[in-house]
Amino acid sequence: MEFYRYYAKGNGTFPSLLSLGVLVRKTRVSPVLAAAILGLAGSAFAIPAANAATTHYGYGAYAYGSSVSAGSLVNSGPTSKLTMCTTTPTSKTMHVAATNLGALGTIGAVRTTVKSAGSGSSVSTTTTSTTGAIKLLGGLVTADGVVSTAVSRHTSAGYSESGSTKVVNLEVAGAPVSANPGKDTTVSLPSGLGTLTLNAQATSSTYGYHKIVVKAIKIALNKSKALSLPSADVAVGYAAAALHEPVHARPYGSAYATRISAADGTVTSSGTASMTLPCAGSDGRTVKNSTAAVKAGKAASVGAVATTGTSTDTAALTSATTSAKLGAASLLNGLIKVDAITVKATSSQKPGAKVSTSSSGTKIAGLTINGKSVKVSGRANQKINIAGIGTLWVHKTVTTSRQIQVYGLQLDLLKASSGLKAGSTVTVGYAGAGVH
């Protein structure tokens, strides 16, 4: 980033020009000769605009219509979820029909949009979530429409964030509420049900990011015997916008402990203890996640897990490194066991060069199948056929011109086993890294 700041101040020539200027001023030479020396220096050492290291702002955005976390009764992931991570101006839109949240109510059709725009130092990311009529908590909370907007921008004055919420005909327990609520407006729900927050906003500046999150409606629901509802967190109209300080390239990566995918491609168990590098990287800092243990039925269980990721971006080098360290793991109710797994992925790129990738640091210790010890070669893509079960890949790597994906153990099932259908894939230990 220092390279960018140097050029952003208007220093467009090679630094040695400064020393040449001092030399000319301190040396007794004629004005004509001095002008000639500086003229030659300017032509010989100035960096042509075409060859100067190019930097780009990182635009990040995330939006959805609604989400619910309510124990075992009802859980609804983000509806009309839309994300953006880019270094070029772009726009995206997503639509989804009305959503039934069961005992918690209904959410109308949702439209989410994300947009990055601008040039030079005047740029912005704008995110909008628009939701149709809502009816929540048995009609205690109703509205004809909800719109939330989040904007992160940069101008000559620096970085700034703004957000807003508009609600059409909002009523809480029959009482009308302002259509343009102020930031973090809180309303108590009747009978001690909990609280409702309108236009909830939060800003942050970490990892080189300048970010704002807006939730049009946020409900923290206490357990209610009257409505037969558990404790729950409900969000309607989520919009997040972010700008990353200028980067030369965009490093990215992720890591997780376990993942199970069905034969049709659907994910039956998403990445556990997952870690994802922020859009456009972590600015040299380490992002972490961990968990004491992971259990996915009889298919897979893993001891303590720690996932990490870090990335840097300079005029000389852009790189991303991710890793996942796992304790003892068991697949298919103990058919396959391993004492420990470490997976590591690294991608890096120098200006004008190809992306370099590596899985160095990946280790699998104490592998046994059907109680028998199996030698791990240490090389990538070791393939082991397990009769009547499927194919086990050890230290599997998948590379492209931009990234590397590393899998500690990956089992492709040929027949149903441990509650999984034939064609399912079980992954234990994953790390991926790339440079875009």
Protein backbone atom coordinates (compact mmCIF):
# COMPACT_ATOMS: atom_id res chain seq x y z
CA MET A 1 0.00 0.00 0.00
CA GLU A 2 2.96 2.37 0.53
CA PHE A 3 3.65 2.22 -3.19
CA TYR A 4 0.11 3.32 -3.91
CA ARG A 5 0.26 6.15 -1.38
CA TYR A 6 3.49 7.44 -2.91
CA TYR A 7 1.98 7.73 -6.36
CA ALA A 8 -1.33 9.00 -5.02
CA LYS A 9 0.55 12.07 -3.74
CA GLY A 10 1.53 12.94 -7.27
CA ASN A 11 5.04 11.50 -7.29
CA GLY A 12 5.01 10.20 -10.83
CA THR A 13 8.77 10.00 -11.50
CA PHE A 14 11.52 7.70 -10.37
CA PRO A 15 12.68 8.70 -6.85
CA SER A 16 16.31 9.23 -7.99
CA LEU A 17 15.15 12.40 -9.69
CA LEU A 18 14.88 13.96 -6.26
CA SER A 19 18.49 13.20 -5.47
CA LEU A 20 19.56 14.49 -8.89
CA GLY A 21 17.77 17.75 -8.19
CA VAL A 22 19.55 18.14 -4.88
CA LEU A 23 22.86 17.33 -6.57
CA VAL A 24 22.32 20.01 -9.23
CA ARG A 25 21.38 22.61 -6.63
CA LYS A 26 24.43 21.86 -4.49
CA THR A 27 26.89 21.69 -7.42
CA ARG A 28 28.32 24.82 -9.01
CA VAL A 29 27.17 24.45 -12.60
CA SER A 30 25.81 26.95 -15.06
CA PRO A 31 22.01 27.40 -15.28
CA VAL A 32 22.09 26.05 -18.84
CA LEU A 33 23.97 22.90 -17.81
CA ALA A 34 21.69 22.44 -14.81
CA ALA A 35 18.62 22.58 -17.02
CA ALA A 36 20.18 20.09 -19.42
CA ILE A 37 20.97 17.64 -16.61
CA LEU A 38 17.46 17.80 -15.17
CA GLY A 39 15.95 17.54 -18.65
CA LEU A 40 17.91 14.40 -19.39
CA ALA A 41 17.03 13.02 -15.97
CA GLY A 42 13.36 13.63 -16.59
CA SER A 43 13.41 11.86 -19.94
CA ALA A 44 15.61 9.00 -18.78
CA PHE A 45 14.07 8.20 -15.41
CA ALA A 46 10.43 9.21 -15.62
CA ILE A 47 8.15 6.19 -15.43
CA PRO A 48 5.79 6.11 -18.40
CA ALA A 49 2.15 6.06 -17.32
CA ALA A 50 1.62 2.76 -19.17
CA ASN A 51 4.33 1.07 -17.09
CA ALA A 52 3.35 2.45 -13.69
CA ALA A 53 1.93 -0.15 -11.32
CA THR A 54 -1.85 0.00 -11.65
CA THR A 55 -4.03 -0.09 -8.55
CA HIS A 56 -7.76 -0.68 -8.22
CA TYR A 57 -10.26 -0.20 -5.43
CA GLY A 58 -11.84 -3.38 -4.12
CA TYR A 59 -15.65 -3.31 -4.20
CA GLY A 60 -17.47 -5.61 -1.79
CA ALA A 61 -21.20 -6.07 -1.24
CA TYR A 62 -23.66 -8.47 0.36
CA ALA A 63 -27.45 -8.27 0.42
CA TYR A 64 -30.46 -10.44 1.20
CA GLY A 65 -34.16 -10.12 1.94
CA SER A 66 -34.55 -12.06 5.19
CA SER A 67 -32.96 -14.61 7.48
CA VAL A 68 -34.14 -16.45 10.58
CA SER A 69 -32.35 -18.38 13.28
CA ALA A 70 -34.84 -19.96 15.68
CA GLY A 71 -33.45 -23.16 17.12
CA SER A 72 -35.00 -26.37 15.81
CA LEU A 73 -38.38 -24.83 14.98
CA VAL A 74 -37.50 -22.90 11.87
CA ASN A 75 -34.30 -21.73 10.25
CA SER A 76 -34.28 -19.79 7.02
CA GLY A 77 -31.01 -18.90 5.36
CA PRO A 78 -30.60 -15.59 3.52
CA THR A 79 -33.27 -15.16 0.81
CA SER A 80 -32.34 -13.55 -2.51
CA LYS A 81 -28.73 -13.56 -1.34
CA LEU A 82 -26.45 -11.52 -3.57
CA THR A 83 -22.72 -10.95 -3.19
CA MET A 84 -20.08 -8.98 -5.06
CA CYS A 85 -16.30 -8.91 -4.87
CA THR A 86 -14.59 -7.13 -7.74
CA THR A 87 -12.05 -4.50 -8.70
CA THR A 88 -14.04 -3.17 -11.64
CA PRO A 89 -17.32 -1.19 -11.78
CA THR A 90 -20.23 -3.60 -12.16
CA SER A 91 -23.82 -4.24 -11.08
CA LYS A 92 -25.90 -7.32 -10.20
CA THR A 93 -29.54 -7.99 -9.37
CA MET A 94 -31.37 -10.92 -7.76
CA HIS A 95 -35.09 -11.68 -7.38
CA VAL A 96 -36.92 -14.24 -5.25
CA ALA A 97 -40.60 -14.91 -4.60
CA ALA A 98 -42.35 -14.59 -1.25
CA THR A 99 -40.98 -16.69 1.62
CA ASN A 100 -42.96 -18.57 4.28
CA LEU A 101 -41.17 -18.58 7.64
CA GLY A 102 -43.60 -20.97 9.26
CA ALA A 103 -44.65 -19.94 12.77
CA LEU A 104 -42.70 -16.68 12.49
CA GLY A 105 -44.66 -15.31 9.54
CA THR A 106 -44.21 -14.42 5.87
CA ILE A 107 -41.92 -12.19 3.80
CA GLY A 108 -42.99 -10.76 0.43
CA ALA A 109 -41.02 -10.94 -2.81
CA VAL A 110 -37.45 -9.68 -2.56
CA ARG A 111 -35.22 -7.76 -4.96
CA THR A 112 -31.56 -7.19 -4.11
CA THR A 113 -29.07 -5.09 -6.07
CA VAL A 114 -25.36 -4.34 -5.72
CA LYS A 115 -23.44 -1.78 -7.73
CA SER A 116 -19.88 -0.49 -7.88
CA ALA A 117 -19.19 2.72 -9.78
CA GLY A 118 -16.87 5.69 -10.28
CA SER A 119 -13.38 6.46 -11.49
CA GLY A 120 -10.21 8.03 -10.18
CA SER A 121 -10.51 8.71 -6.46
CA SER A 122 -14.32 9.13 -6.55
CA VAL A 123 -15.77 5.63 -6.27
CA SER A 124 -18.59 3.92 -4.40
CA THR A 125 -20.32 0.66 -3.62
CA THR A 126 -24.11 0.75 -3.22
CA THR A 127 -26.25 -2.13 -1.96
CA THR A 128 -30.05 -2.20 -1.79
CA SER A 129 -32.54 -4.74 -0.43
CA THR A 130 -36.23 -4.28 -1.31
CA THR A 131 -38.85 -6.51 0.30
CA GLY A 132 -42.58 -6.73 -0.31
CA ALA A 133 -45.27 -6.98 2.36
CA ILE A 134 -44.25 -8.63 5.64
CA LYS A 135 -46.32 -10.22 8.39
CA LEU A 136 -44.41 -11.46 11.41
CA LEU A 137 -45.21 -12.88 14.84
CA GLY A 138 -48.85 -13.57 14.16
CA GLY A 139 -49.43 -10.07 12.78
CA LEU A 140 -47.70 -8.14 15.59
CA VAL A 141 -45.31 -6.68 13.01
CA THR A 142 -46.67 -5.79 9.56
CA ALA A 143 -45.57 -3.56 6.68
CA ASP A 144 -46.40 -3.11 3.02
CA GLY A 145 -42.77 -2.79 1.96
CA VAL A 146 -39.23 -2.46 3.27
CA VAL A 147 -36.17 -0.88 1.60
CA SER A 148 -32.65 -0.72 3.05
CA THR A 149 -29.66 0.95 1.40
CA ALA A 150 -25.96 0.93 2.29
CA VAL A 151 -23.28 3.05 0.61
CA SER A 152 -19.51 3.04 1.06
CA ARG A 153 -17.67 5.75 -0.89
CA HIS A 154 -14.33 7.41 -1.40
CA THR A 155 -13.79 10.98 -2.57
CA SER A 156 -10.98 13.50 -2.30
CA ALA A 157 -12.14 14.00 1.30
CA GLY A 158 -11.55 10.33 2.17
CA TYR A 159 -13.74 7.36 3.03
CA SER A 160 -17.30 7.63 4.32
CA GLU A 161 -20.34 5.41 4.80
CA SER A 162 -24.08 6.06 4.88
CA GLY A 163 -27.22 4.00 5.27
CA SER A 164 -30.98 4.37 5.29
CA THR A 165 -34.20 2.45 5.83
CA LYS A 166 -37.67 3.15 4.48
CA VAL A 167 -40.73 1.20 5.62
CA VAL A 168 -44.19 1.57 4.10
CA ASN A 169 -47.14 1.43 6.53
CA LEU A 170 -45.21 -0.25 9.31
CA GLU A 171 -47.24 -1.19 12.38
CA VAL A 172 -46.05 -2.81 15.59
CA ALA A 173 -48.85 -4.21 17.74
CA GLY A 174 -51.28 -2.05 15.78
CA ALA A 175 -49.39 1.21 16.34
CA PRO A 176 -47.94 3.02 13.28
CA VAL A 177 -44.19 3.63 13.16
CA SER A 178 -42.25 6.27 11.20
CA ALA A 179 -41.64 5.45 7.56
CA ASN A 180 -38.08 6.85 7.80
CA PRO A 181 -36.78 5.68 11.18
CA GLY A 182 -33.57 7.10 12.57
CA LYS A 183 -30.49 4.99 13.05
CA ASP A 184 -30.97 2.16 15.57
CA THR A 185 -34.56 3.00 16.46
CA THR A 186 -35.70 0.43 19.06
CA VAL A 187 -39.30 -0.61 19.79
CA SER A 188 -40.26 -2.98 22.60
CA LEU A 189 -42.56 -5.80 21.61
CA PRO A 190 -45.61 -6.42 23.84
CA SER A 191 -45.77 -9.04 26.59
CA GLY A 192 -41.99 -9.15 26.90
CA LEU A 193 -41.62 -10.87 23.54
CA GLY A 194 -38.38 -9.04 22.81
CA THR A 195 -37.21 -5.99 20.88
CA LEU A 196 -37.47 -4.72 17.33
CA THR A 197 -34.74 -2.46 15.95
CA LEU A 198 -35.31 -0.36 12.83
CA ASN A 199 -32.54 0.92 10.59
CA ALA A 200 -29.88 -0.97 12.55
CA GLN A 201 -26.47 0.19 11.35
CA ALA A 202 -22.87 -0.81 12.00
CA THR A 203 -19.65 0.47 10.43
CA SER A 204 -16.13 -0.90 10.55
CA SER A 205 -12.66 -0.34 9.08
CA THR A 206 -10.60 -3.53 9.20
CA TYR A 207 -8.28 -5.39 6.83
CA GLY A 208 -8.16 -2.27 4.64
CA TYR A 209 -11.96 -2.32 4.33
CA HIS A 210 -14.38 0.51 4.99
CA LYS A 211 -17.75 -1.14 5.50
CA ILE A 212 -21.32 -0.44 6.53
CA VAL A 213 -24.11 -2.92 7.32
CA VAL A 214 -27.77 -1.91 7.39
CA LYS A 215 -30.61 -4.11 8.66
CA ALA A 216 -33.98 -2.53 7.99
CA ILE A 217 -35.71 -4.63 10.66
CA LYS A 218 -33.93 -6.67 13.31
CA ILE A 219 -35.94 -8.68 15.83
CA ALA A 220 -34.49 -10.29 18.94
CA LEU A 221 -37.27 -12.60 20.12
CA ASN A 222 -37.43 -14.04 23.60
CA LYS A 223 -39.01 -17.44 24.13
CA SER A 224 -42.80 -17.04 24.03
CA LYS A 225 -45.24 -19.58 25.43
CA ALA A 226 -48.14 -17.45 24.27
CA LEU A 227 -47.11 -17.66 20.60
CA SER A 228 -45.40 -21.05 20.93
CA LEU A 229 -42.17 -19.53 19.60
CA PRO A 230 -38.59 -20.18 20.67
CA SER A 231 -35.89 -17.56 21.07
CA ALA A 232 -35.05 -16.26 17.62
CA ASP A 233 -33.15 -13.69 15.62
CA VAL A 234 -34.90 -12.31 12.55
CA ALA A 235 -33.46 -9.91 9.99
CA VAL A 236 -35.37 -8.24 7.15
CA GLY A 237 -33.72 -6.06 4.52
CA TYR A 238 -29.98 -6.70 4.93
CA ALA A 239 -27.60 -4.51 2.92
CA ALA A 240 -23.81 -4.32 3.31
CA ALA A 241 -21.41 -2.23 1.23
CA ALA A 242 -17.63 -1.97 1.44
CA LEU A 243 -14.62 -0.41 -0.26
CA HIS A 244 -11.12 -1.79 0.05
CA GLU A 245 -8.12 0.48 -0.23
CA PRO A 246 -6.54 0.21 -3.71
CA VAL A 247 -4.86 -3.09 -4.54
CA HIS A 248 -2.65 -4.19 -7.40
CA ALA A 249 -4.30 -7.60 -7.68
CA ARG A 250 -7.03 -9.35 -5.68
CA PRO A 251 -5.87 -12.20 -3.43
CA TYR A 252 -8.55 -14.58 -2.17
CA GLY A 253 -8.95 -17.87 -0.34
CA SER A 254 -10.90 -20.04 2.09
CA ALA A 255 -10.51 -23.07 4.35
CA TYR A 256 -12.76 -25.46 6.26
CA ALA A 257 -12.79 -28.70 8.25
CA THR A 258 -15.48 -30.88 6.64
CA ARG A 259 -17.97 -30.75 3.79
CA ILE A 260 -20.43 -33.31 2.44
CA SER A 261 -21.89 -33.03 -1.06
CA ALA A 262 -24.67 -35.20 -2.44
CA ALA A 263 -24.54 -36.88 -5.84
CA ASP A 264 -26.71 -34.18 -7.41
CA GLY A 265 -24.27 -31.47 -6.34
CA THR A 266 -26.29 -30.14 -3.41
CA VAL A 267 -24.38 -29.58 -0.18
CA THR A 268 -25.82 -31.58 2.71
CA SER A 269 -23.21 -30.34 5.20
CA SER A 270 -21.53 -27.03 4.40
CA GLY A 271 -17.95 -26.15 5.25
CA THR A 272 -17.52 -26.41 9.03
CA ALA A 273 -15.20 -24.09 10.99
CA SER A 274 -14.92 -22.17 7.74
CA MET A 275 -12.66 -19.18 7.14
CA THR A 276 -12.84 -16.90 4.11
CA LEU A 277 -10.44 -14.08 3.35
CA PRO A 278 -12.20 -10.73 2.99
CA CYS A 279 -12.87 -9.52 -0.54
CA ALA A 280 -9.58 -8.12 -1.90
CA GLY A 281 -7.59 -9.69 0.93
CA SER A 282 -6.68 -9.23 4.60
CA ASP A 283 -4.09 -6.45 4.20
CA GLY A 284 -1.36 -8.64 5.72
CA ARG A 285 -3.36 -9.65 8.79
CA THR A 286 -4.39 -13.18 9.74
CA VAL A 287 -8.05 -14.21 9.70
CA LYS A 288 -8.89 -17.14 12.01
CA ASN A 289 -11.65 -19.55 12.94
CA SER A 290 -11.69 -22.58 15.22
CA THR A 291 -13.94 -25.12 16.88
CA ALA A 292 -13.51 -27.79 19.53
CA ALA A 293 -14.90 -30.63 17.42
CA VAL A 294 -16.97 -31.32 14.31
CA LYS A 295 -19.45 -34.14 13.82
CA ALA A 296 -21.50 -34.80 10.68
CA GLY A 297 -23.48 -37.91 11.72
CA LYS A 298 -21.75 -41.20 10.94
CA ALA A 299 -20.20 -39.78 7.79
CA ALA A 300 -17.42 -37.80 9.46
CA SER A 301 -16.17 -36.60 12.81
CA VAL A 302 -13.10 -34.46 13.54
CA GLY A 303 -11.29 -33.30 16.64
CA ALA A 304 -10.27 -29.70 17.27
CA VAL A 305 -10.00 -27.56 14.14
CA ALA A 306 -8.22 -24.28 13.38
CA THR A 307 -8.46 -22.50 10.03
CA THR A 308 -6.40 -19.46 9.06
CA GLY A 309 -5.81 -17.18 6.11
CA THR A 310 -3.60 -14.23 5.32
CA SER A 311 -2.84 -12.21 2.22
CA THR A 312 -0.61 -9.33 1.15
CA ASP A 313 -0.62 -7.01 -1.82
CA THR A 314 2.29 -4.76 -2.83
CA ALA A 315 3.77 -3.42 -6.04
CA ALA A 316 6.27 -6.30 -5.91
CA LEU A 317 4.09 -9.25 -4.90
CA THR A 318 0.48 -10.33 -4.30
CA SER A 319 -0.03 -13.53 -2.30
CA ALA A 320 -2.64 -15.51 -0.38
CA THR A 321 -2.09 -18.41 2.04
CA THR A 322 -4.79 -20.47 3.77
CA SER A 323 -4.63 -23.51 6.02
CA ALA A 324 -6.71 -25.94 8.04
CA LYS A 325 -5.32 -27.98 10.94
CA LEU A 326 -7.44 -30.87 12.20
CA GLY A 327 -7.13 -33.33 15.05
CA ALA A 328 -8.01 -37.01 14.79
CA ALA A 329 -10.67 -37.66 12.14
CA SER A 330 -13.00 -40.56 11.35
CA LEU A 331 -14.98 -41.25 8.17
CA LEU A 332 -17.86 -43.70 7.61
CA ASN A 333 -18.25 -44.61 11.27
CA GLY A 334 -14.56 -45.44 11.71
CA LEU A 335 -13.86 -47.26 8.46
CA ILE A 336 -11.26 -44.59 7.64
CA LYS A 337 -9.26 -42.92 10.39
CA VAL A 338 -6.40 -40.44 10.55
CA ASP A 339 -4.44 -39.04 13.50
CA ALA A 340 -4.04 -35.48 12.17
CA ILE A 341 -4.41 -33.44 9.00
CA THR A 342 -2.81 -30.17 7.94
CA VAL A 343 -3.69 -28.69 4.57
CA LYS A 344 -2.07 -25.56 3.20
CA ALA A 345 -2.57 -23.62 -0.03
CA THR A 346 -0.50 -20.73 -1.34
CA SER A 347 -0.85 -18.62 -4.47
CA SER A 348 1.35 -15.66 -5.39
CA GLN A 349 2.04 -13.43 -8.35
CA LYS A 350 4.72 -10.92 -9.28
CA PRO A 351 3.92 -8.12 -11.75
CA GLY A 352 3.92 -9.45 -15.30
CA ALA A 353 4.47 -13.05 -14.19
CA LYS A 354 2.16 -16.07 -13.97
CA VAL A 355 0.48 -17.04 -10.71
CA SER A 356 2.58 -19.51 -8.72
CA THR A 357 0.78 -22.12 -6.57
CA SER A 358 1.89 -24.58 -3.89
CA SER A 359 0.47 -27.11 -1.41
CA SER A 360 3.73 -27.28 0.55
CA GLY A 361 3.07 -27.84 4.24
CA THR A 362 0.22 -30.31 3.68
CA LYS A 363 0.58 -33.39 5.88
CA ILE A 364 -1.62 -36.40 6.67
CA ALA A 365 -0.51 -38.56 9.63
CA GLY A 366 -1.59 -41.99 10.85
CA LEU A 367 -3.97 -43.06 8.09
CA THR A 368 -5.75 -46.39 8.62
CA ILE A 369 -8.43 -48.13 6.53
CA ASN A 370 -10.38 -51.04 8.01
CA GLY A 371 -7.96 -50.97 10.93
CA LYS A 372 -4.87 -51.42 8.73
CA SER A 373 -2.16 -48.79 8.45
CA VAL A 374 -1.80 -47.18 5.01
CA LYS A 375 1.39 -45.46 3.92
CA VAL A 376 0.93 -41.85 2.83
CA SER A 377 3.28 -41.06 -0.04
CA GLY A 378 3.59 -37.35 0.77
CA ARG A 379 3.01 -36.54 -2.88
CA ALA A 380 -0.11 -34.84 -4.14
CA ASN A 381 -3.08 -36.78 -5.54
CA GLN A 382 -2.47 -40.17 -3.95
CA LYS A 383 -5.39 -42.40 -5.00
CA ILE A 384 -6.61 -45.34 -2.91
CA ASN A 385 -9.41 -47.63 -4.09
CA ILE A 386 -11.46 -49.08 -1.22
CA ALA A 387 -13.29 -52.20 -2.39
CA GLY A 388 -17.05 -51.90 -2.20
CA ILE A 389 -16.87 -48.35 -0.86
CA GLY A 390 -15.30 -45.88 -3.26
CA THR A 391 -12.17 -43.90 -3.99
CA LEU A 392 -10.14 -42.09 -1.34
CA TRP A 393 -7.92 -39.20 -2.43
CA VAL A 394 -5.09 -38.19 -0.12
CA HIS A 395 -3.54 -34.72 -0.46
CA LYS A 396 -5.66 -34.01 -3.51
CA THR A 397 -4.85 -30.81 -5.42
CA VAL A 398 -6.75 -29.03 -8.17
CA THR A 399 -4.94 -26.15 -9.87
CA THR A 400 -5.83 -23.55 -12.48
CA SER A 401 -3.91 -20.63 -13.90
CA ARG A 402 -5.10 -18.50 -10.97
CA GLN A 403 -5.60 -20.73 -7.92
CA ILE A 404 -4.96 -23.97 -6.06
CA GLN A 405 -7.40 -26.09 -4.06
CA VAL A 406 -6.02 -28.61 -1.56
CA TYR A 407 -8.04 -31.45 0.02
CA GLY A 408 -6.58 -33.47 2.91
CA LEU A 409 -8.89 -36.44 2.43
CA GLN A 410 -11.66 -36.65 -0.14
CA LEU A 411 -13.83 -39.75 -0.42
CA ASP A 412 -16.01 -40.40 -3.48
CA LEU A 413 -18.66 -43.00 -2.60
CA LEU A 414 -19.53 -45.67 -5.15
CA LYS A 415 -22.27 -47.16 -2.95
CA ALA A 416 -24.51 -45.91 -0.15
CA SER A 417 -22.85 -45.85 3.27
CA SER A 418 -23.34 -44.26 6.70
CA GLY A 419 -26.52 -42.51 5.65
CA LEU A 420 -25.01 -41.13 2.43
CA LYS A 421 -26.16 -42.05 -1.05
CA ALA A 422 -23.89 -43.39 -3.78
CA GLY A 423 -22.17 -40.53 -5.58
CA SER A 424 -21.77 -38.43 -2.43
CA THR A 425 -18.42 -36.82 -1.63
CA VAL A 426 -16.95 -36.37 1.85
CA THR A 427 -14.13 -33.87 2.31
CA VAL A 428 -12.02 -33.58 5.45
CA GLY A 429 -9.57 -30.66 5.52
CA TYR A 430 -9.67 -28.07 2.75
CA ALA A 431 -7.63 -24.98 1.87
CA GLY A 432 -7.79 -22.89 -1.28
CA ALA A 433 -5.95 -19.75 -2.40
CA GLY A 434 -5.74 -17.66 -5.55
CA VAL A 435 -4.83 -14.32 -7.12
CA HIS A 436 -7.29 -12.63 -9.49
